[in-house]
Amino acid sequence: MAIAIKSIPTLRGNDAERFFEAAKKVETKSTTVNFKKQANIARAILSKAKML
């Protein structure tokens, strides 16, 4: 028994323009991720286990 492959929907008209503008806006936005909190938690766990 074969499973049917569904076609990929294509955006057209206003939906396509809105999607393109939103994608362009996100692509140009410069962001950074701060892992300081997670690093401190990991450091605390490692020091408690005497691995640091």
C-alpha atoms as a PDB file:
ATOM      1  CA  MET A   1       0.000   0.000   0.000  1.00  0.00           C
ATOM      2  CA  ALA A   2       1.432   3.331  -1.072  1.00  0.00           C
ATOM      3  CA  ILE A   3       0.790   6.582   0.722  1.00  0.00           C
ATOM      4  CA  ALA A   4      -0.266   9.428  -1.538  1.00  0.00           C
ATOM      5  CA  ILE A   5       2.123  12.383  -1.647  1.00  0.00           C
ATOM      6  CA  LYS A   6       0.303  15.649  -1.069  1.00  0.00           C
ATOM      7  CA  SER A   7       1.132  18.646  -3.215  1.00  0.00           C
ATOM      8  CA  ILE A   8       2.695  21.718  -1.625  1.00  0.00           C
ATOM      9  CA  PRO A   9       0.298  24.667  -1.549  1.00  0.00           C
ATOM     10  CA  THR A  10       1.429  27.794  -3.413  1.00  0.00           C
ATOM     11  CA  LEU A  11       0.737  31.262  -2.069  1.00  0.00           C
ATOM     12  CA  ARG A  12      -0.693  33.719  -4.543  1.00  0.00           C
ATOM     13  CA  GLY A  13      -1.875  37.324  -4.529  1.00  0.00           C
ATOM     14  CA  ASN A  14      -2.121  39.234  -1.272  1.00  0.00           C
ATOM     15  CA  ASP A  15      -1.173  36.193   0.808  1.00  0.00           C
ATOM     16  CA  ALA A  16       2.084  35.799  -1.112  1.00  0.00           C
ATOM     17  CA  GLU A  17       2.923  39.490  -0.805  1.00  0.00           C
ATOM     18  CA  ARG A  18       2.183  39.516   2.920  1.00  0.00           C
ATOM     19  CA  PHE A  19       4.306  36.391   3.456  1.00  0.00           C
ATOM     20  CA  PHE A  20       7.191  37.802   1.420  1.00  0.00           C
ATOM     21  CA  GLU A  21       7.167  41.103   3.348  1.00  0.00           C
ATOM     22  CA  ALA A  22       7.074  39.300   6.704  1.00  0.00           C
ATOM     23  CA  ALA A  23       9.939  37.006   5.655  1.00  0.00           C
ATOM     24  CA  LYS A  24      11.994  39.984   4.454  1.00  0.00           C
ATOM     25  CA  LYS A  25      11.396  41.826   7.732  1.00  0.00           C
ATOM     26  CA  VAL A  26      12.507  38.848   9.840  1.00  0.00           C
ATOM     27  CA  GLU A  27      15.515  38.170   7.613  1.00  0.00           C
ATOM     28  CA  THR A  28      16.885  41.704   7.977  1.00  0.00           C
ATOM     29  CA  LYS A  29      16.291  41.883  11.746  1.00  0.00           C
ATOM     30  CA  SER A  30      19.519  41.362  13.652  1.00  0.00           C
ATOM     31  CA  THR A  31      19.088  39.397  16.851  1.00  0.00           C
ATOM     32  CA  THR A  32      21.370  37.861  19.430  1.00  0.00           C
ATOM     33  CA  VAL A  33      20.741  35.146  21.959  1.00  0.00           C
ATOM     34  CA  ASN A  34      21.960  35.550  25.532  1.00  0.00           C
ATOM     35  CA  PHE A  35      22.833  32.193  27.115  1.00  0.00           C
ATOM     36  CA  LYS A  36      24.269  33.727  30.295  1.00  0.00           C
ATOM     37  CA  LYS A  37      21.483  32.359  32.524  1.00  0.00           C
ATOM     38  CA  GLN A  38      21.782  28.836  31.086  1.00  0.00           C
ATOM     39  CA  ALA A  39      25.590  28.953  31.372  1.00  0.00           C
ATOM     40  CA  ASN A  40      25.332  29.933  35.042  1.00  0.00           C
ATOM     41  CA  ILE A  41      22.928  27.056  35.715  1.00  0.00           C
ATOM     42  CA  ALA A  42      25.240  24.598  33.951  1.00  0.00           C
ATOM     43  CA  ARG A  43      28.232  25.964  35.857  1.00  0.00           C
ATOM     44  CA  ALA A  44      26.382  25.520  39.167  1.00  0.00           C
ATOM     45  CA  ILE A  45      25.460  21.927  38.303  1.00  0.00           C
ATOM     46  CA  LEU A  46      29.032  21.097  37.292  1.00  0.00           C
ATOM     47  CA  SER A  47      30.537  22.679  40.384  1.00  0.00           C
ATOM     48  CA  LYS A  48      28.062  20.822  42.637  1.00  0.00           C
ATOM     49  CA  ALA A  49      29.100  17.566  40.926  1.00  0.00           C
ATOM     50  CA  LYS A  50      32.751  18.628  41.440  1.00  0.00           C
ATOM     51  CA  MET A  51      33.390  18.450  37.706  1.00  0.00           C
ATOM     52  CA  LEU A  52      34.413  22.086  37.340  1.00  0.00           C
END
